[in-house]
Amino acid sequence: MKSPMAFGTLTAPNSATRTPSRMSDASERGEPSRIHPRVNRRTLFAGAAALAAAVAAPATANAGVSSASPARPDYLLVHGGSHGGWCWRKLAPMLQRGENRVITPTITGVGDRSHLLHAALSYEDAVNDIVRTIEAEELTDFVLVGHSIGGAYITSVADRMPEKIRRLVYLDAVVIENGETVLSTMPLGSQEILRTLVTANGGYAVPAPTDPTMFGLTDRNDIEWAKRQLTAHPWSTWSDTVTLAGPAGAGLPRHYIDFTEPAFPDIQSSKQRVLDNSSQWQLDQINTGHDGMISAPRAVAKQILSYDR
């Protein structure tokens, strides 16, 4: 296997490697706001009258009025290889506030849908799973996030329906172009290892990883949890050719969050592609391993949320 490229010198204007500052505002912590103790009868009656007027006013009265705390967009989070919607359990609640939704689908054949794994599954089937979720949830102006090989999936989804998406966020993810396979973006040594594993396991699935530390997990509870959840994954995700009708990214804002410690060798060429086309990307870094949504969910959430403040 080729040695991974060194990315320790990457810098980004909004780097998430700094220790997040503690939120001091009660509303940001999700705590109820407190009523000031000095409330006289006149103030109380005035407040009640204002409330009654607001309730009676037509809904259009507030049209165009900006809020000091704008509503968050909806988020759709797409998992990587051998993972499933389960992997967002720590991160998803941190992206949710008010009425926005955080949706974490699982593609056919893995995770809680591993019982549907079969030889005929294709890369396009996985993309269709995500597209149908978007349509069923009636998502518009939402943020589409992809982890690892989920980066290829979200690129294909954006190619089909760019008008529905606000931005693309790649979490230590594959960056792919038209006519490529996910396998072709990996080091040659990794390609050969995957082919050997697939051949030895029926020819249509990459077997479940047996050691979650390969994803940079160090906490014992995280490792044991991932070990229970990881499943085989359709080989077609790596072997099928990706076809895009337009340029990768479909002209949408693209953000790449690089999980730097330890670096995951199989996506180093994708990171280099981001560097080589830096005018088309915002690059940020977090000092955590490949499964950063598990090992550093607070830092990852803070970085994702920063794009829409």
Protein backbone atom coordinates (compact mmCIF):
# COMPACT_ATOMS: atom_id res chain seq x y z
CA MET A 1 0.00 0.00 0.00
CA LYS A 2 1.27 3.45 -0.84
CA SER A 3 2.21 5.70 1.97
CA PRO A 4 -0.46 8.31 2.68
CA MET A 5 0.31 11.89 1.72
CA ALA A 6 1.16 14.28 4.50
CA PHE A 7 -1.59 16.78 5.14
CA GLY A 8 -0.41 18.13 8.48
CA THR A 9 0.39 21.52 6.96
CA LEU A 10 -3.08 22.23 5.62
CA THR A 11 -4.65 25.39 6.94
CA ALA A 12 -8.16 26.71 6.71
CA PRO A 13 -9.74 30.03 7.64
CA ASN A 14 -12.46 28.37 9.71
CA SER A 15 -10.40 25.53 11.13
CA ALA A 16 -12.22 23.44 13.70
CA THR A 17 -9.05 22.23 15.36
CA ARG A 18 -9.35 24.95 17.97
CA THR A 19 -11.07 24.02 21.19
CA PRO A 20 -14.71 25.09 20.92
CA SER A 21 -15.59 27.94 23.21
CA ARG A 22 -18.30 27.29 25.77
CA MET A 23 -21.65 28.78 24.83
CA SER A 24 -22.76 31.38 27.32
CA ASP A 25 -26.18 32.16 25.89
CA ALA A 26 -28.93 30.06 27.46
CA SER A 27 -30.83 29.69 24.21
CA GLU A 28 -27.77 28.26 22.47
CA ARG A 29 -27.52 25.62 25.20
CA GLY A 30 -31.15 24.73 24.78
CA GLU A 31 -31.99 26.02 28.25
CA PRO A 32 -35.24 27.89 28.92
CA SER A 33 -34.88 31.66 29.06
CA ARG A 34 -35.48 33.27 32.48
CA ILE A 35 -38.01 36.00 33.23
CA HIS A 36 -36.56 39.08 34.91
CA PRO A 37 -37.78 39.22 38.54
CA ARG A 38 -38.67 42.96 38.40
CA VAL A 39 -41.98 42.78 36.59
CA ASN A 40 -44.70 45.22 37.74
CA ARG A 41 -48.42 45.04 36.97
CA ARG A 42 -48.26 47.61 34.17
CA THR A 43 -45.48 45.68 32.42
CA LEU A 44 -47.42 42.46 32.84
CA PHE A 45 -50.62 43.91 31.34
CA ALA A 46 -48.69 45.53 28.50
CA GLY A 47 -47.04 42.23 27.70
CA ALA A 48 -50.37 40.41 27.73
CA ALA A 49 -51.90 42.97 25.36
CA ALA A 50 -48.98 42.68 22.99
CA LEU A 51 -49.24 38.90 23.02
CA ALA A 52 -52.98 39.05 22.27
CA ALA A 53 -52.36 41.41 19.36
CA ALA A 54 -49.68 39.15 17.96
CA VAL A 55 -51.94 36.11 18.10
CA ALA A 56 -54.79 37.99 16.41
CA ALA A 57 -52.60 39.39 13.64
CA PRO A 58 -52.56 37.56 10.31
CA ALA A 59 -49.58 35.29 9.66
CA THR A 60 -48.43 37.50 6.78
CA ALA A 61 -47.67 40.33 9.19
CA ASN A 62 -44.27 38.82 9.94
CA ALA A 63 -43.36 38.15 6.33
CA GLY A 64 -39.87 39.35 5.51
CA VAL A 65 -38.97 40.04 9.12
CA SER A 66 -35.49 38.73 9.91
CA SER A 67 -34.77 36.89 13.13
CA ALA A 68 -31.75 37.39 15.34
CA SER A 69 -31.56 33.59 15.51
CA PRO A 70 -32.42 32.32 12.03
CA ALA A 71 -33.89 28.85 11.66
CA ARG A 72 -31.43 26.14 10.82
CA PRO A 73 -31.80 24.32 7.51
CA ASP A 74 -32.70 20.66 7.31
CA TYR A 75 -29.77 18.25 7.10
CA LEU A 76 -29.55 14.93 5.32
CA LEU A 77 -26.56 12.84 6.43
CA VAL A 78 -25.25 10.05 4.18
CA HIS A 79 -23.08 7.36 5.76
CA GLY A 80 -20.00 5.68 4.36
CA GLY A 81 -18.98 2.09 3.70
CA SER A 82 -20.25 -0.64 6.05
CA HIS A 83 -21.92 2.01 8.20
CA GLY A 84 -25.59 3.02 8.35
CA GLY A 85 -27.86 5.66 9.76
CA TRP A 86 -26.75 4.50 13.22
CA CYS A 87 -23.35 6.22 12.89
CA TRP A 88 -24.94 9.69 13.21
CA ARG A 89 -26.48 8.99 16.63
CA LYS A 90 -24.11 11.35 18.47
CA LEU A 91 -23.93 14.08 15.83
CA ALA A 92 -27.53 14.38 14.64
CA PRO A 93 -29.02 15.89 17.84
CA MET A 94 -26.36 18.60 17.79
CA LEU A 95 -27.55 19.81 14.38
CA GLN A 96 -31.19 20.02 15.39
CA ARG A 97 -32.83 23.13 16.82
CA GLY A 98 -36.42 24.21 16.65
CA GLU A 99 -38.29 22.69 13.74
CA ASN A 100 -35.41 21.79 11.44
CA ARG A 101 -34.96 18.12 10.62
CA VAL A 102 -31.89 15.89 10.61
CA ILE A 103 -32.48 12.84 8.43
CA THR A 104 -30.14 9.84 8.47
CA PRO A 105 -31.14 7.25 5.86
CA THR A 106 -29.47 3.87 5.42
CA ILE A 107 -28.83 2.61 1.89
CA THR A 108 -30.04 -0.81 0.85
CA GLY A 109 -27.83 -3.70 1.93
CA VAL A 110 -26.09 -2.29 5.02
CA GLY A 111 -26.84 -1.39 8.62
CA ASP A 112 -30.46 -1.94 9.57
CA ARG A 113 -31.09 -2.87 5.92
CA SER A 114 -28.30 -5.45 5.70
CA HIS A 115 -30.89 -8.21 5.27
CA LEU A 116 -31.57 -6.75 1.80
CA LEU A 117 -28.01 -7.28 0.55
CA HIS A 118 -27.90 -9.19 -2.75
CA ALA A 119 -25.69 -9.53 -5.80
CA ALA A 120 -27.77 -7.32 -8.12
CA LEU A 121 -27.47 -4.14 -6.05
CA SER A 122 -25.79 -1.28 -7.93
CA TYR A 123 -24.23 2.08 -7.13
CA GLU A 124 -27.30 3.73 -8.66
CA ASP A 125 -29.54 1.82 -6.25
CA ALA A 126 -27.79 3.55 -3.37
CA VAL A 127 -28.13 6.95 -5.05
CA ASN A 128 -31.82 6.23 -5.68
CA ASP A 129 -32.31 5.43 -1.99
CA ILE A 130 -31.11 8.93 -1.12
CA VAL A 131 -33.07 10.63 -3.91
CA ARG A 132 -36.27 8.90 -2.82
CA THR A 133 -35.69 9.96 0.76
CA ILE A 134 -35.33 13.59 -0.36
CA GLU A 135 -38.52 13.34 -2.39
CA ALA A 136 -40.50 11.58 0.34
CA GLU A 137 -39.40 14.09 2.99
CA GLU A 138 -40.07 16.96 0.54
CA LEU A 139 -36.71 18.52 1.31
CA THR A 140 -35.73 21.85 -0.24
CA ASP A 141 -32.88 24.25 0.48
CA PHE A 142 -31.27 21.62 2.69
CA VAL A 143 -27.66 20.73 3.49
CA LEU A 144 -26.44 17.40 2.09
CA VAL A 145 -23.61 15.78 4.04
CA GLY A 146 -21.60 12.71 2.99
CA HIS A 147 -19.00 10.74 4.95
CA SER A 148 -16.26 8.63 3.32
CA ILE A 149 -17.70 6.92 0.21
CA GLY A 150 -20.88 8.84 0.98
CA GLY A 151 -19.04 11.70 -0.74
CA ALA A 152 -19.52 9.90 -4.06
CA TYR A 153 -23.22 9.37 -3.33
CA ILE A 154 -23.90 13.02 -2.55
CA THR A 155 -22.04 14.10 -5.68
CA SER A 156 -24.38 11.93 -7.75
CA VAL A 157 -27.46 13.19 -5.89
CA ALA A 158 -26.43 16.82 -6.46
CA ASP A 159 -26.02 16.06 -10.16
CA ARG A 160 -29.67 15.00 -10.30
CA MET A 161 -31.35 17.65 -8.16
CA PRO A 162 -29.07 20.65 -7.51
CA GLU A 163 -32.02 23.03 -7.23
CA LYS A 164 -33.09 21.38 -3.95
CA ILE A 165 -29.71 21.59 -2.20
CA ARG A 166 -28.21 24.55 -0.33
CA ARG A 167 -24.67 23.19 0.01
CA LEU A 168 -22.61 20.00 0.01
CA VAL A 169 -20.46 19.00 2.99
CA TYR A 170 -17.87 16.24 2.58
CA LEU A 171 -16.71 14.64 5.84
CA ASP A 172 -13.33 13.01 5.18
CA ALA A 173 -14.99 11.86 2.00
CA VAL A 174 -14.41 10.59 -1.52
CA VAL A 175 -14.35 13.30 -4.20
CA ILE A 176 -15.22 11.78 -7.55
CA GLU A 177 -15.51 12.92 -11.17
CA ASN A 178 -17.57 11.69 -14.09
CA GLY A 179 -16.45 8.34 -15.51
CA GLU A 180 -14.53 7.23 -12.42
CA THR A 181 -15.13 4.45 -9.94
CA VAL A 182 -14.71 4.90 -6.21
CA LEU A 183 -12.13 2.10 -6.38
CA SER A 184 -10.01 4.09 -8.85
CA THR A 185 -9.63 6.94 -6.32
CA MET A 186 -7.91 4.61 -3.81
CA PRO A 187 -4.25 3.56 -3.53
CA LEU A 188 -3.38 0.53 -5.66
CA GLY A 189 -2.61 -1.56 -2.59
CA SER A 190 -6.03 -0.89 -1.12
CA GLN A 191 -7.67 -1.74 -4.43
CA GLU A 192 -6.00 -5.15 -4.47
CA ILE A 193 -6.93 -5.86 -0.85
CA LEU A 194 -10.58 -5.07 -1.52
CA ARG A 195 -10.68 -7.24 -4.65
CA THR A 196 -9.20 -10.16 -2.72
CA LEU A 197 -11.66 -9.77 0.16
CA VAL A 198 -14.65 -9.54 -2.17
CA THR A 199 -13.59 -12.60 -4.21
CA ALA A 200 -13.24 -14.62 -1.01
CA ASN A 201 -16.71 -13.57 0.16
CA GLY A 202 -18.98 -14.37 -2.75
CA GLY A 203 -17.97 -11.64 -5.20
CA TYR A 204 -20.66 -9.04 -4.49
CA ALA A 205 -19.92 -7.53 -1.07
CA VAL A 206 -17.03 -6.10 0.91
CA PRO A 207 -17.12 -7.98 4.23
CA ALA A 208 -17.75 -6.12 7.47
CA PRO A 209 -14.59 -4.61 8.99
CA THR A 210 -13.55 -6.53 12.09
CA ASP A 211 -11.38 -3.82 13.65
CA PRO A 212 -13.09 -0.41 13.99
CA THR A 213 -9.81 1.18 15.06
CA MET A 214 -9.04 1.36 11.32
CA PHE A 215 -11.46 4.31 11.33
CA GLY A 216 -9.49 6.16 13.98
CA LEU A 217 -11.69 5.16 16.92
CA THR A 218 -9.89 4.95 20.26
CA ASP A 219 -12.62 5.04 22.90
CA ARG A 220 -13.47 1.52 24.06
CA ASN A 221 -17.22 2.12 24.04
CA ASP A 222 -17.10 3.60 20.54
CA ILE A 223 -15.05 0.65 19.29
CA GLU A 224 -17.42 -1.92 20.78
CA TRP A 225 -20.47 -0.06 19.44
CA ALA A 226 -19.04 0.14 15.92
CA LYS A 227 -18.02 -3.51 16.03
CA ARG A 228 -21.63 -4.48 16.78
CA GLN A 229 -23.03 -2.26 14.02
CA LEU A 230 -20.65 -2.55 11.06
CA THR A 231 -21.89 -4.77 8.22
CA ALA A 232 -20.88 -5.94 4.77
CA HIS A 233 -21.35 -3.39 1.97
CA PRO A 234 -22.31 -3.83 -1.71
CA TRP A 235 -19.18 -4.12 -3.84
CA SER A 236 -20.90 -2.13 -6.58
CA THR A 237 -20.32 1.08 -4.60
CA TRP A 238 -16.62 0.72 -5.38
CA SER A 239 -16.74 -1.06 -8.75
CA ASP A 240 -19.52 0.68 -10.71
CA THR A 241 -18.66 3.63 -12.92
CA VAL A 242 -20.12 6.94 -11.75
CA THR A 243 -21.92 8.90 -14.47
CA LEU A 244 -22.57 12.62 -14.01
CA ALA A 245 -24.52 14.80 -16.44
CA GLY A 246 -22.72 17.99 -15.38
CA PRO A 247 -19.61 19.07 -13.50
CA ALA A 248 -19.05 17.42 -10.12
CA GLY A 249 -20.72 19.49 -7.42
CA ALA A 250 -23.26 20.96 -9.83
CA GLY A 251 -22.03 24.48 -9.05
CA LEU A 252 -23.13 24.25 -5.41
CA PRO A 253 -21.04 25.52 -2.48
CA ARG A 254 -18.75 22.68 -1.43
CA HIS A 255 -17.08 22.25 1.94
CA TYR A 256 -14.50 19.61 2.81
CA ILE A 257 -13.84 18.75 6.46
CA ASP A 258 -10.56 16.88 6.71
CA PHE A 259 -10.19 14.52 9.70
CA THR A 260 -6.46 14.64 10.17
CA GLU A 261 -5.43 12.36 13.05
CA PRO A 262 -4.91 9.69 12.03
CA ALA A 263 -5.27 10.32 8.30
CA PHE A 264 -7.26 7.66 6.41
CA PRO A 265 -5.05 6.45 3.53
CA ASP A 266 -7.84 5.45 1.15
CA ILE A 267 -9.08 9.03 0.63
CA GLN A 268 -5.77 10.89 0.36
CA SER A 269 -6.16 11.34 -3.40
CA SER A 270 -9.56 12.95 -2.79
CA LYS A 271 -8.00 15.40 -0.36
CA GLN A 272 -5.33 16.20 -2.91
CA ARG A 273 -8.04 16.87 -5.47
CA VAL A 274 -9.58 19.42 -3.10
CA LEU A 275 -6.19 21.10 -2.67
CA ASP A 276 -5.59 21.18 -6.41
CA ASN A 277 -8.96 22.90 -6.93
CA SER A 278 -8.96 25.07 -3.82
CA SER A 279 -10.93 27.90 -5.46
CA GLN A 280 -13.93 25.56 -5.69
CA TRP A 281 -13.85 24.41 -2.08
CA GLN A 282 -13.76 25.59 1.51
CA LEU A 283 -11.37 23.32 3.38
CA ASP A 284 -11.43 22.89 7.15
CA GLN A 285 -9.70 20.46 9.49
CA ILE A 286 -10.55 18.63 12.68
CA ASN A 287 -7.95 16.74 14.67
CA THR A 288 -9.73 13.39 14.85
CA GLY A 289 -9.90 10.08 13.01
CA HIS A 290 -11.91 9.01 9.97
CA ASP A 291 -15.10 8.37 11.94
CA GLY A 292 -15.11 11.88 13.37
CA MET A 293 -18.90 11.94 13.68
CA ILE A 294 -18.40 9.29 16.38
CA SER A 295 -15.08 10.35 17.94
CA ALA A 296 -15.56 14.15 17.83
CA PRO A 297 -19.25 14.90 17.20
CA ARG A 298 -19.28 18.27 18.95
CA ALA A 299 -16.40 19.65 16.86
CA VAL A 300 -17.93 18.27 13.67
CA ALA A 301 -21.35 19.75 14.46
CA LYS A 302 -19.81 23.14 15.25
CA GLN A 303 -18.02 23.19 11.90
CA ILE A 304 -21.08 22.16 9.89
CA LEU A 305 -23.28 24.71 11.65
CA SER A 306 -20.74 27.48 11.00
CA TYR A 307 -21.50 27.34 7.26
CA ASP A 308 -25.05 28.63 7.77
CA ARG A 309 -24.56 31.33 10.44
